[in-house]
């Protein structure tokens, strides 16, 4: 849902507690009204022609633009589009997902919400993860550390299957960018799975996620050699023979790599298909970049705002 990133108020724009959540979203109509206000805080804006306010309610759920006759619902073009799952269940899933500090697995979501199948829970989580990447998000600035690391994951399609089923552990290469806030703090991060040929992927990744003019700190790999010619101040940190451990000279990326691996192994028991790893990394980035938020309800609001 594309809308202005205004500062919402707890208890006014989003529920503060689970009990408030139950009061707010007792019916499907209440869920639709909430999503409509979230999507169009100043009133309906036609997704096709951009006309504002001139809307006709063709039915309980269907809206029609009087200007171009476009018809749709509040969920058209969102992650809820054409879903058969009630919006009450979707919003409950969003609340549970954002209120669990370390996230939730598909199996855990299925059990908590009493969903009929593991696949339904898995699909819901992946739609939410798709919404966690905000279009046009700002690039990283200042001092940014960039490095690659290998993640150990278990390539198993469904963790709900019996324990006797065979699975295989594999290592997948990931590239990281971490804002460094001196003296020892971290800002925002970006993560992405890349092919084993890092040399052809790290430069495009940096160009996509790091603001030109930023200072980029890397190891001595030749893969980063072109950064200085692309508008970045490149700080190469040669590890070999320096006498300084890598986790000290590039503390940011090493700390984030450790947290990602622990999160994958802890929340998801290492069971992540390589083809879907980027979606999981998007969720980790969403959580990490909002780690200082004092309200879990705010995360619920922001997630649905981007849905």
C-alpha atoms as a PDB file:
ATOM      1  CA  UNK A   1       0.000   0.000   0.000  1.00  0.00           C
ATOM      2  CA  UNK A   2       1.595   3.236  -1.100  1.00  0.00           C
ATOM      3  CA  UNK A   3       0.893   6.061   1.316  1.00  0.00           C
ATOM      4  CA  UNK A   4       2.692   8.928   2.987  1.00  0.00           C
ATOM      5  CA  UNK A   5       5.101   7.916   5.741  1.00  0.00           C
ATOM      6  CA  UNK A   6       3.443   9.982   8.487  1.00  0.00           C
ATOM      7  CA  UNK A   7       4.168   9.466  12.166  1.00  0.00           C
ATOM      8  CA  UNK A   8       1.314   7.319  13.529  1.00  0.00           C
ATOM      9  CA  UNK A   9       0.062   7.532  17.098  1.00  0.00           C
ATOM     10  CA  UNK A  10      -0.356   4.469  19.353  1.00  0.00           C
ATOM     11  CA  UNK A  11      -3.965   3.832  20.246  1.00  0.00           C
ATOM     12  CA  UNK A  12      -5.093   6.209  17.511  1.00  0.00           C
ATOM     13  CA  UNK A  13      -3.587   4.801  14.337  1.00  0.00           C
ATOM     14  CA  UNK A  14      -2.727   1.308  15.530  1.00  0.00           C
ATOM     15  CA  UNK A  15      -3.558  -0.896  18.543  1.00  0.00           C
ATOM     16  CA  UNK A  16      -1.121  -0.911  21.457  1.00  0.00           C
ATOM     17  CA  UNK A  17      -1.901  -4.349  22.857  1.00  0.00           C
ATOM     18  CA  UNK A  18      -3.381  -7.681  21.822  1.00  0.00           C
ATOM     19  CA  UNK A  19      -6.601  -6.854  23.674  1.00  0.00           C
ATOM     20  CA  UNK A  20      -6.882  -3.604  21.735  1.00  0.00           C
ATOM     21  CA  UNK A  21      -6.194  -5.533  18.552  1.00  0.00           C
ATOM     22  CA  UNK A  22      -9.142  -7.829  19.270  1.00  0.00           C
ATOM     23  CA  UNK A  23     -11.387  -4.812  19.889  1.00  0.00           C
ATOM     24  CA  UNK A  24     -10.255  -3.034  16.728  1.00  0.00           C
ATOM     25  CA  UNK A  25     -10.570  -5.962  14.336  1.00  0.00           C
ATOM     26  CA  UNK A  26     -13.584  -7.904  15.534  1.00  0.00           C
ATOM     27  CA  UNK A  27     -15.158  -8.020  12.050  1.00  0.00           C
ATOM     28  CA  UNK A  28     -14.117  -8.143   8.404  1.00  0.00           C
ATOM     29  CA  UNK A  29     -15.717  -4.731   7.926  1.00  0.00           C
ATOM     30  CA  UNK A  30     -13.475  -3.254  10.620  1.00  0.00           C
ATOM     31  CA  UNK A  31     -10.404  -4.738   8.931  1.00  0.00           C
ATOM     32  CA  UNK A  32     -11.431  -3.306   5.561  1.00  0.00           C
ATOM     33  CA  UNK A  33     -12.045   0.126   7.087  1.00  0.00           C
ATOM     34  CA  UNK A  34      -8.610   0.092   8.735  1.00  0.00           C
ATOM     35  CA  UNK A  35      -6.846  -0.888   5.510  1.00  0.00           C
ATOM     36  CA  UNK A  36      -8.794   1.727   3.547  1.00  0.00           C
ATOM     37  CA  UNK A  37      -7.738   4.491   5.939  1.00  0.00           C
ATOM     38  CA  UNK A  38      -4.168   3.207   5.873  1.00  0.00           C
ATOM     39  CA  UNK A  39      -4.044   3.131   2.079  1.00  0.00           C
ATOM     40  CA  UNK A  40      -5.873   6.414   1.500  1.00  0.00           C
ATOM     41  CA  UNK A  41      -5.509   8.565   4.654  1.00  0.00           C
ATOM     42  CA  UNK A  42      -6.849  11.627   2.798  1.00  0.00           C
ATOM     43  CA  UNK A  43      -9.596   9.727   1.015  1.00  0.00           C
ATOM     44  CA  UNK A  44      -9.793   7.428  -2.006  1.00  0.00           C
ATOM     45  CA  UNK A  45      -7.308   8.029  -4.832  1.00  0.00           C
ATOM     46  CA  UNK A  46      -7.922   6.086  -8.034  1.00  0.00           C
ATOM     47  CA  UNK A  47      -4.991   3.737  -8.766  1.00  0.00           C
ATOM     48  CA  UNK A  48      -5.648   4.098 -12.506  1.00  0.00           C
ATOM     49  CA  UNK A  49      -6.236   7.807 -13.185  1.00  0.00           C
ATOM     50  CA  UNK A  50      -5.146   9.392  -9.898  1.00  0.00           C
ATOM     51  CA  UNK A  51      -8.464  11.166  -9.385  1.00  0.00           C
ATOM     52  CA  UNK A  52      -9.031  11.879  -5.707  1.00  0.00           C
ATOM     53  CA  UNK A  53     -12.208  11.667  -3.699  1.00  0.00           C
ATOM     54  CA  UNK A  54     -14.719  11.041  -6.493  1.00  0.00           C
ATOM     55  CA  UNK A  55     -15.667   7.493  -5.537  1.00  0.00           C
ATOM     56  CA  UNK A  56     -18.827   5.425  -5.720  1.00  0.00           C
ATOM     57  CA  UNK A  57     -19.288   2.374  -3.504  1.00  0.00           C
ATOM     58  CA  UNK A  58     -20.571  -0.210  -5.946  1.00  0.00           C
ATOM     59  CA  UNK A  59     -20.963  -2.764  -3.159  1.00  0.00           C
ATOM     60  CA  UNK A  60     -19.909  -3.381   0.425  1.00  0.00           C
ATOM     61  CA  UNK A  61     -16.331  -4.018  -0.645  1.00  0.00           C
ATOM     62  CA  UNK A  62     -16.043  -2.673  -4.201  1.00  0.00           C
ATOM     63  CA  UNK A  63     -15.136   0.933  -5.025  1.00  0.00           C
ATOM     64  CA  UNK A  64     -15.615   2.647  -8.393  1.00  0.00           C
ATOM     65  CA  UNK A  65     -13.918   5.793  -9.653  1.00  0.00           C
ATOM     66  CA  UNK A  66     -16.515   8.109 -11.197  1.00  0.00           C
ATOM     67  CA  UNK A  67     -13.883   9.638 -13.460  1.00  0.00           C
ATOM     68  CA  UNK A  68     -12.535   6.558 -15.289  1.00  0.00           C
ATOM     69  CA  UNK A  69     -14.955   3.843 -14.044  1.00  0.00           C
ATOM     70  CA  UNK A  70     -12.110   1.828 -12.505  1.00  0.00           C
ATOM     71  CA  UNK A  71     -13.468  -0.752 -10.068  1.00  0.00           C
ATOM     72  CA  UNK A  72     -11.518  -2.436  -7.318  1.00  0.00           C
ATOM     73  CA  UNK A  73     -11.339  -3.125  -3.623  1.00  0.00           C
ATOM     74  CA  UNK A  74      -9.155  -1.785  -0.858  1.00  0.00           C
ATOM     75  CA  UNK A  75      -6.980  -4.891  -1.244  1.00  0.00           C
ATOM     76  CA  UNK A  76      -6.534  -4.620  -5.034  1.00  0.00           C
ATOM     77  CA  UNK A  77      -2.855  -4.453  -5.890  1.00  0.00           C
ATOM     78  CA  UNK A  78      -1.747  -5.331  -2.359  1.00  0.00           C
ATOM     79  CA  UNK A  79      -0.443  -8.558  -0.833  1.00  0.00           C
ATOM     80  CA  UNK A  80      -4.044  -9.322   0.183  1.00  0.00           C
ATOM     81  CA  UNK A  81      -5.343  -9.178  -3.386  1.00  0.00           C
ATOM     82  CA  UNK A  82      -7.650 -12.097  -4.286  1.00  0.00           C
ATOM     83  CA  UNK A  83      -6.939 -13.870  -1.004  1.00  0.00           C
ATOM     84  CA  UNK A  84      -9.417 -16.429   0.301  1.00  0.00           C
ATOM     85  CA  UNK A  85      -8.100 -16.045   3.829  1.00  0.00           C
ATOM     86  CA  UNK A  86     -10.173 -13.636   5.972  1.00  0.00           C
ATOM     87  CA  UNK A  87      -8.578 -10.250   6.606  1.00  0.00           C
ATOM     88  CA  UNK A  88      -8.964 -10.859  10.337  1.00  0.00           C
ATOM     89  CA  UNK A  89      -6.560 -13.780   9.982  1.00  0.00           C
ATOM     90  CA  UNK A  90      -4.166 -11.737   7.845  1.00  0.00           C
ATOM     91  CA  UNK A  91      -4.031  -8.925  10.385  1.00  0.00           C
ATOM     92  CA  UNK A  92      -3.617 -11.384  13.252  1.00  0.00           C
ATOM     93  CA  UNK A  93      -0.699 -12.908  11.358  1.00  0.00           C
ATOM     94  CA  UNK A  94       0.844  -9.454  10.839  1.00  0.00           C
ATOM     95  CA  UNK A  95       0.453  -8.668  14.549  1.00  0.00           C
ATOM     96  CA  UNK A  96       1.997 -11.945  15.635  1.00  0.00           C
ATOM     97  CA  UNK A  97       4.832 -11.667  13.112  1.00  0.00           C
ATOM     98  CA  UNK A  98       5.824  -8.161  14.189  1.00  0.00           C
ATOM     99  CA  UNK A  99       5.377  -8.787  17.905  1.00  0.00           C
ATOM    100  CA  UNK A 100       7.783 -11.720  17.966  1.00  0.00           C
ATOM    101  CA  UNK A 101      11.213 -10.118  18.303  1.00  0.00           C
ATOM    102  CA  UNK A 102      12.950 -12.916  16.414  1.00  0.00           C
ATOM    103  CA  UNK A 103      10.127 -13.545  13.963  1.00  0.00           C
ATOM    104  CA  UNK A 104       8.168 -16.730  13.453  1.00  0.00           C
ATOM    105  CA  UNK A 105       8.437 -19.800  11.247  1.00  0.00           C
ATOM    106  CA  UNK A 106       5.620 -20.933   8.965  1.00  0.00           C
ATOM    107  CA  UNK A 107       5.052 -23.935  11.207  1.00  0.00           C
ATOM    108  CA  UNK A 108       4.819 -21.683  14.258  1.00  0.00           C
ATOM    109  CA  UNK A 109       2.347 -19.365  12.523  1.00  0.00           C
ATOM    110  CA  UNK A 110       0.224 -22.319  11.424  1.00  0.00           C
ATOM    111  CA  UNK A 111      -0.004 -23.573  14.999  1.00  0.00           C
ATOM    112  CA  UNK A 112      -0.738 -20.199  16.606  1.00  0.00           C
ATOM    113  CA  UNK A 113      -3.466 -19.189  14.148  1.00  0.00           C
ATOM    114  CA  UNK A 114      -4.863 -22.678  13.640  1.00  0.00           C
ATOM    115  CA  UNK A 115      -4.394 -22.493   9.879  1.00  0.00           C
ATOM    116  CA  UNK A 116      -5.512 -25.478   7.855  1.00  0.00           C
ATOM    117  CA  UNK A 117      -2.213 -26.034   6.092  1.00  0.00           C
ATOM    118  CA  UNK A 118       1.478 -25.297   6.365  1.00  0.00           C
ATOM    119  CA  UNK A 119       1.410 -23.947   2.797  1.00  0.00           C
ATOM    120  CA  UNK A 120      -1.095 -21.231   3.767  1.00  0.00           C
ATOM    121  CA  UNK A 121       1.163 -20.038   6.582  1.00  0.00           C
ATOM    122  CA  UNK A 122       4.229 -20.170   4.339  1.00  0.00           C
ATOM    123  CA  UNK A 123       2.492 -18.145   1.616  1.00  0.00           C
ATOM    124  CA  UNK A 124       1.310 -15.519   4.099  1.00  0.00           C
ATOM    125  CA  UNK A 125       4.791 -15.067   5.526  1.00  0.00           C
ATOM    126  CA  UNK A 126       6.348 -14.722   2.096  1.00  0.00           C
ATOM    127  CA  UNK A 127       3.806 -12.110   1.065  1.00  0.00           C
ATOM    128  CA  UNK A 128       4.624 -10.163   4.214  1.00  0.00           C
ATOM    129  CA  UNK A 129       8.338 -10.457   3.466  1.00  0.00           C
ATOM    130  CA  UNK A 130       7.707  -9.074  -0.001  1.00  0.00           C
ATOM    131  CA  UNK A 131       6.097  -6.040   1.624  1.00  0.00           C
ATOM    132  CA  UNK A 132       9.055  -5.458   3.935  1.00  0.00           C
ATOM    133  CA  UNK A 133      11.105  -3.864   1.146  1.00  0.00           C
ATOM    134  CA  UNK A 134       9.940  -0.266   0.779  1.00  0.00           C
ATOM    135  CA  UNK A 135      10.139   1.021  -2.826  1.00  0.00           C
ATOM    136  CA  UNK A 136      12.549   3.925  -3.184  1.00  0.00           C
ATOM    137  CA  UNK A 137      14.117   3.401   0.228  1.00  0.00           C
ATOM    138  CA  UNK A 138      17.108   5.607   1.033  1.00  0.00           C
ATOM    139  CA  UNK A 139      20.599   4.362   0.311  1.00  0.00           C
ATOM    140  CA  UNK A 140      23.160   3.803   3.041  1.00  0.00           C
ATOM    141  CA  UNK A 141      25.392   6.799   3.818  1.00  0.00           C
ATOM    142  CA  UNK A 142      28.520   7.790   5.708  1.00  0.00           C
ATOM    143  CA  UNK A 143      30.920   4.969   6.501  1.00  0.00           C
ATOM    144  CA  UNK A 144      29.661   1.632   5.163  1.00  0.00           C
ATOM    145  CA  UNK A 145      31.321  -1.751   5.582  1.00  0.00           C
ATOM    146  CA  UNK A 146      30.794  -4.280   2.778  1.00  0.00           C
ATOM    147  CA  UNK A 147      31.759  -7.938   2.826  1.00  0.00           C
ATOM    148  CA  UNK A 148      30.588 -11.420   1.828  1.00  0.00           C
ATOM    149  CA  UNK A 149      29.995 -14.445   4.012  1.00  0.00           C
ATOM    150  CA  UNK A 150      28.598 -17.953   3.738  1.00  0.00           C
ATOM    151  CA  UNK A 151      25.347 -18.925   5.458  1.00  0.00           C
ATOM    152  CA  UNK A 152      24.730 -22.532   6.423  1.00  0.00           C
ATOM    153  CA  UNK A 153      21.158 -23.544   5.622  1.00  0.00           C
ATOM    154  CA  UNK A 154      19.225 -26.789   5.471  1.00  0.00           C
ATOM    155  CA  UNK A 155      17.551 -27.258   2.105  1.00  0.00           C
ATOM    156  CA  UNK A 156      14.340 -28.859   3.296  1.00  0.00           C
ATOM    157  CA  UNK A 157      11.002 -27.934   1.776  1.00  0.00           C
ATOM    158  CA  UNK A 158       8.744 -28.460   4.747  1.00  0.00           C
ATOM    159  CA  UNK A 159       9.880 -28.573   8.388  1.00  0.00           C
ATOM    160  CA  UNK A 160       6.523 -30.074   9.331  1.00  0.00           C
ATOM    161  CA  UNK A 161       7.457 -33.347   7.674  1.00  0.00           C
ATOM    162  CA  UNK A 162       8.555 -36.294   9.827  1.00  0.00           C
ATOM    163  CA  UNK A 163      11.987 -36.075  11.396  1.00  0.00           C
ATOM    164  CA  UNK A 164      13.210 -39.072   9.422  1.00  0.00           C
ATOM    165  CA  UNK A 165      13.102 -37.263   6.117  1.00  0.00           C
ATOM    166  CA  UNK A 166      16.497 -36.645   4.546  1.00  0.00           C
ATOM    167  CA  UNK A 167      17.754 -33.085   4.232  1.00  0.00           C
ATOM    168  CA  UNK A 168      21.000 -31.549   3.066  1.00  0.00           C
ATOM    169  CA  UNK A 169      23.053 -28.722   4.522  1.00  0.00           C
ATOM    170  CA  UNK A 170      24.496 -26.258   2.055  1.00  0.00           C
ATOM    171  CA  UNK A 171      26.398 -22.990   2.181  1.00  0.00           C
ATOM    172  CA  UNK A 172      25.042 -19.963   0.345  1.00  0.00           C
ATOM    173  CA  UNK A 173      27.025 -16.794  -0.319  1.00  0.00           C
ATOM    174  CA  UNK A 174      25.593 -13.519   0.995  1.00  0.00           C
ATOM    175  CA  UNK A 175      26.838  -9.942   0.575  1.00  0.00           C
ATOM    176  CA  UNK A 176      26.298  -7.398   3.356  1.00  0.00           C
ATOM    177  CA  UNK A 177      26.446  -3.610   3.665  1.00  0.00           C
ATOM    178  CA  UNK A 178      26.426  -2.113   7.177  1.00  0.00           C
ATOM    179  CA  UNK A 179      26.374   1.570   8.150  1.00  0.00           C
ATOM    180  CA  UNK A 180      28.956   2.253  10.859  1.00  0.00           C
ATOM    181  CA  UNK A 181      28.099   4.790  13.554  1.00  0.00           C
ATOM    182  CA  UNK A 182      31.253   5.698  15.443  1.00  0.00           C
ATOM    183  CA  UNK A 183      32.594   4.749  17.847  1.00  0.00           C
ATOM    184  CA  UNK A 184      31.013   1.274  18.028  1.00  0.00           C
ATOM    185  CA  UNK A 185      27.461   1.516  16.770  1.00  0.00           C
ATOM    186  CA  UNK A 186      25.657   0.299  13.663  1.00  0.00           C
ATOM    187  CA  UNK A 187      23.056   2.017  11.519  1.00  0.00           C
ATOM    188  CA  UNK A 188      21.032   0.423   8.754  1.00  0.00           C
ATOM    189  CA  UNK A 189      21.941  -2.685   6.780  1.00  0.00           C
ATOM    190  CA  UNK A 190      21.288  -4.305   3.418  1.00  0.00           C
ATOM    191  CA  UNK A 191      21.674  -8.018   2.601  1.00  0.00           C
ATOM    192  CA  UNK A 192      21.497 -10.102  -0.561  1.00  0.00           C
ATOM    193  CA  UNK A 193      22.211 -13.614  -1.699  1.00  0.00           C
ATOM    194  CA  UNK A 194      24.734 -13.745  -4.548  1.00  0.00           C
ATOM    195  CA  UNK A 195      26.284 -16.409  -6.733  1.00  0.00           C
ATOM    196  CA  UNK A 196      29.659 -17.801  -5.812  1.00  0.00           C
ATOM    197  CA  UNK A 197      31.339 -15.547  -8.367  1.00  0.00           C
ATOM    198  CA  UNK A 198      31.359 -12.567  -6.008  1.00  0.00           C
ATOM    199  CA  UNK A 199      33.437 -10.377  -8.314  1.00  0.00           C
ATOM    200  CA  UNK A 200      30.530  -9.878 -10.729  1.00  0.00           C
ATOM    201  CA  UNK A 201      27.908  -9.128  -8.067  1.00  0.00           C
ATOM    202  CA  UNK A 202      29.378  -7.017  -5.270  1.00  0.00           C
ATOM    203  CA  UNK A 203      29.917  -3.821  -7.275  1.00  0.00           C
ATOM    204  CA  UNK A 204      26.304  -3.687  -8.618  1.00  0.00           C
ATOM    205  CA  UNK A 205      25.107  -4.407  -5.065  1.00  0.00           C
ATOM    206  CA  UNK A 206      27.116  -1.489  -3.650  1.00  0.00           C
ATOM    207  CA  UNK A 207      25.878   0.845  -6.386  1.00  0.00           C
ATOM    208  CA  UNK A 208      22.283  -0.107  -5.642  1.00  0.00           C
ATOM    209  CA  UNK A 209      22.356   0.233  -1.850  1.00  0.00           C
ATOM    210  CA  UNK A 210      25.122   2.748  -1.001  1.00  0.00           C
ATOM    211  CA  UNK A 211      24.944   6.486  -1.701  1.00  0.00           C
ATOM    212  CA  UNK A 212      27.667   7.781  -4.065  1.00  0.00           C
ATOM    213  CA  UNK A 213      30.219   9.741  -2.078  1.00  0.00           C
ATOM    214  CA  UNK A 214      30.032   7.394   0.902  1.00  0.00           C
ATOM    215  CA  UNK A 215      33.156   5.878   2.407  1.00  0.00           C
ATOM    216  CA  UNK A 216      33.127   2.137   1.725  1.00  0.00           C
ATOM    217  CA  UNK A 217      35.321  -0.116   3.835  1.00  0.00           C
ATOM    218  CA  UNK A 218      36.087  -3.579   2.439  1.00  0.00           C
ATOM    219  CA  UNK A 219      38.697  -6.272   2.810  1.00  0.00           C
ATOM    220  CA  UNK A 220      41.553  -6.523   0.341  1.00  0.00           C
ATOM    221  CA  UNK A 221      39.581  -8.486  -2.258  1.00  0.00           C
ATOM    222  CA  UNK A 222      40.138  -7.446  -5.864  1.00  0.00           C
ATOM    223  CA  UNK A 223      36.357  -7.641  -6.375  1.00  0.00           C
ATOM    224  CA  UNK A 224      36.027  -4.149  -4.847  1.00  0.00           C
ATOM    225  CA  UNK A 225      38.893  -2.521  -6.734  1.00  0.00           C
ATOM    226  CA  UNK A 226      36.637  -0.411  -8.983  1.00  0.00           C
ATOM    227  CA  UNK A 227      34.818   1.361  -6.126  1.00  0.00           C
ATOM    228  CA  UNK A 228      37.172   4.338  -6.158  1.00  0.00           C
ATOM    229  CA  UNK A 229      36.338   4.977  -9.814  1.00  0.00           C
ATOM    230  CA  UNK A 230      32.579   4.928  -9.159  1.00  0.00           C
ATOM    231  CA  UNK A 231      32.309   7.881  -6.804  1.00  0.00           C
ATOM    232  CA  UNK A 232      33.054   6.137  -3.514  1.00  0.00           C
ATOM    233  CA  UNK A 233      35.901   6.706  -1.077  1.00  0.00           C
ATOM    234  CA  UNK A 234      37.301   3.189  -0.903  1.00  0.00           C
ATOM    235  CA  UNK A 235      39.041   2.090   2.278  1.00  0.00           C
ATOM    236  CA  UNK A 236      40.728  -1.284   1.768  1.00  0.00           C
ATOM    237  CA  UNK A 237      41.484  -3.244   4.927  1.00  0.00           C
ATOM    238  CA  UNK A 238      44.100  -5.887   4.198  1.00  0.00           C
ATOM    239  CA  UNK A 239      43.674  -8.688   6.734  1.00  0.00           C
ATOM    240  CA  UNK A 240      46.610 -10.925   5.880  1.00  0.00           C
ATOM    241  CA  UNK A 241      49.628 -10.045   7.986  1.00  0.00           C
ATOM    242  CA  UNK A 242      47.938  -7.081   9.677  1.00  0.00           C
ATOM    243  CA  UNK A 243      47.904  -8.695  13.104  1.00  0.00           C
ATOM    244  CA  UNK A 244      44.350  -7.427  13.657  1.00  0.00           C
ATOM    245  CA  UNK A 245      41.541 -10.019  13.695  1.00  0.00           C
ATOM    246  CA  UNK A 246      38.904  -9.577  10.986  1.00  0.00           C
ATOM    247  CA  UNK A 247      36.123  -9.314  13.576  1.00  0.00           C
ATOM    248  CA  UNK A 248      37.909  -6.277  15.005  1.00  0.00           C
ATOM    249  CA  UNK A 249      38.969  -4.479  11.823  1.00  0.00           C
ATOM    250  CA  UNK A 250      35.521  -4.969  10.232  1.00  0.00           C
ATOM    251  CA  UNK A 251      33.316  -5.429  13.269  1.00  0.00           C
ATOM    252  CA  UNK A 252      30.063  -4.347  11.621  1.00  0.00           C
ATOM    253  CA  UNK A 253      29.771  -6.965   8.907  1.00  0.00           C
ATOM    254  CA  UNK A 254      31.077  -9.717  11.185  1.00  0.00           C
ATOM    255  CA  UNK A 255      28.505  -8.877  13.855  1.00  0.00           C
ATOM    256  CA  UNK A 256      25.652  -8.800  11.337  1.00  0.00           C
ATOM    257  CA  UNK A 257      26.785 -12.069   9.730  1.00  0.00           C
ATOM    258  CA  UNK A 258      26.720 -13.743  13.141  1.00  0.00           C
ATOM    259  CA  UNK A 259      23.240 -12.382  13.913  1.00  0.00           C
ATOM    260  CA  UNK A 260      21.834 -13.524  10.563  1.00  0.00           C
ATOM    261  CA  UNK A 261      23.215 -17.036  10.999  1.00  0.00           C
ATOM    262  CA  UNK A 262      21.819 -17.286  14.540  1.00  0.00           C
ATOM    263  CA  UNK A 263      18.429 -16.002  13.349  1.00  0.00           C
ATOM    264  CA  UNK A 264      18.240 -18.516  10.498  1.00  0.00           C
ATOM    265  CA  UNK A 265      19.253 -21.376  12.789  1.00  0.00           C
ATOM    266  CA  UNK A 266      17.108 -20.245  15.725  1.00  0.00           C
ATOM    267  CA  UNK A 267      13.808 -18.997  14.297  1.00  0.00           C
ATOM    268  CA  UNK A 268      13.811 -21.132  11.161  1.00  0.00           C
ATOM    269  CA  UNK A 269      15.932 -24.047  12.400  1.00  0.00           C
ATOM    270  CA  UNK A 270      18.197 -23.520   9.407  1.00  0.00           C
ATOM    271  CA  UNK A 271      15.435 -24.728   7.098  1.00  0.00           C
ATOM    272  CA  UNK A 272      15.495 -22.210   4.249  1.00  0.00           C
ATOM    273  CA  UNK A 273      15.403 -23.071   0.571  1.00  0.00           C
ATOM    274  CA  UNK A 274      18.213 -21.247  -1.268  1.00  0.00           C
ATOM    275  CA  UNK A 275      15.796 -19.874  -3.878  1.00  0.00           C
ATOM    276  CA  UNK A 276      13.827 -18.118  -1.134  1.00  0.00           C
ATOM    277  CA  UNK A 277      16.746 -16.887   0.953  1.00  0.00           C
ATOM    278  CA  UNK A 278      16.439 -13.280  -0.253  1.00  0.00           C
ATOM    279  CA  UNK A 279      12.914 -13.095   1.189  1.00  0.00           C
ATOM    280  CA  UNK A 280      14.203 -14.181   4.599  1.00  0.00           C
ATOM    281  CA  UNK A 281      17.052 -11.683   4.357  1.00  0.00           C
ATOM    282  CA  UNK A 282      14.518  -8.933   3.587  1.00  0.00           C
ATOM    283  CA  UNK A 283      12.703  -9.800   6.804  1.00  0.00           C
ATOM    284  CA  UNK A 284      15.929  -9.675   8.801  1.00  0.00           C
ATOM    285  CA  UNK A 285      16.757  -6.255   7.316  1.00  0.00           C
ATOM    286  CA  UNK A 286      13.252  -4.974   8.150  1.00  0.00           C
ATOM    287  CA  UNK A 287      13.633  -6.085  11.755  1.00  0.00           C
ATOM    288  CA  UNK A 288      17.234  -4.965  12.213  1.00  0.00           C
ATOM    289  CA  UNK A 289      16.630  -1.492  10.798  1.00  0.00           C
ATOM    290  CA  UNK A 290      13.719  -1.014  13.207  1.00  0.00           C
ATOM    291  CA  UNK A 291      15.378  -2.602  16.227  1.00  0.00           C
ATOM    292  CA  UNK A 292      15.219   0.616  18.272  1.00  0.00           C
ATOM    293  CA  UNK A 293      11.452   1.016  17.868  1.00  0.00           C
ATOM    294  CA  UNK A 294       9.810   1.256  21.276  1.00  0.00           C
ATOM    295  CA  UNK A 295       6.481  -0.042  19.978  1.00  0.00           C
ATOM    296  CA  UNK A 296       5.829  -3.388  18.332  1.00  0.00           C
ATOM    297  CA  UNK A 297       2.492  -1.938  17.242  1.00  0.00           C
ATOM    298  CA  UNK A 298       4.430   0.570  15.157  1.00  0.00           C
ATOM    299  CA  UNK A 299       6.076  -2.312  13.276  1.00  0.00           C
ATOM    300  CA  UNK A 300       2.615  -3.781  12.662  1.00  0.00           C
ATOM    301  CA  UNK A 301       1.481  -0.435  11.259  1.00  0.00           C
ATOM    302  CA  UNK A 302       4.550   0.068   9.059  1.00  0.00           C
ATOM    303  CA  UNK A 303       4.348  -3.449   7.651  1.00  0.00           C
ATOM    304  CA  UNK A 304       0.713  -3.037   6.638  1.00  0.00           C
ATOM    305  CA  UNK A 305       1.451   0.441   5.310  1.00  0.00           C
ATOM    306  CA  UNK A 306       3.915  -1.107   2.865  1.00  0.00           C
ATOM    307  CA  UNK A 307       1.697  -4.088   2.025  1.00  0.00           C
END
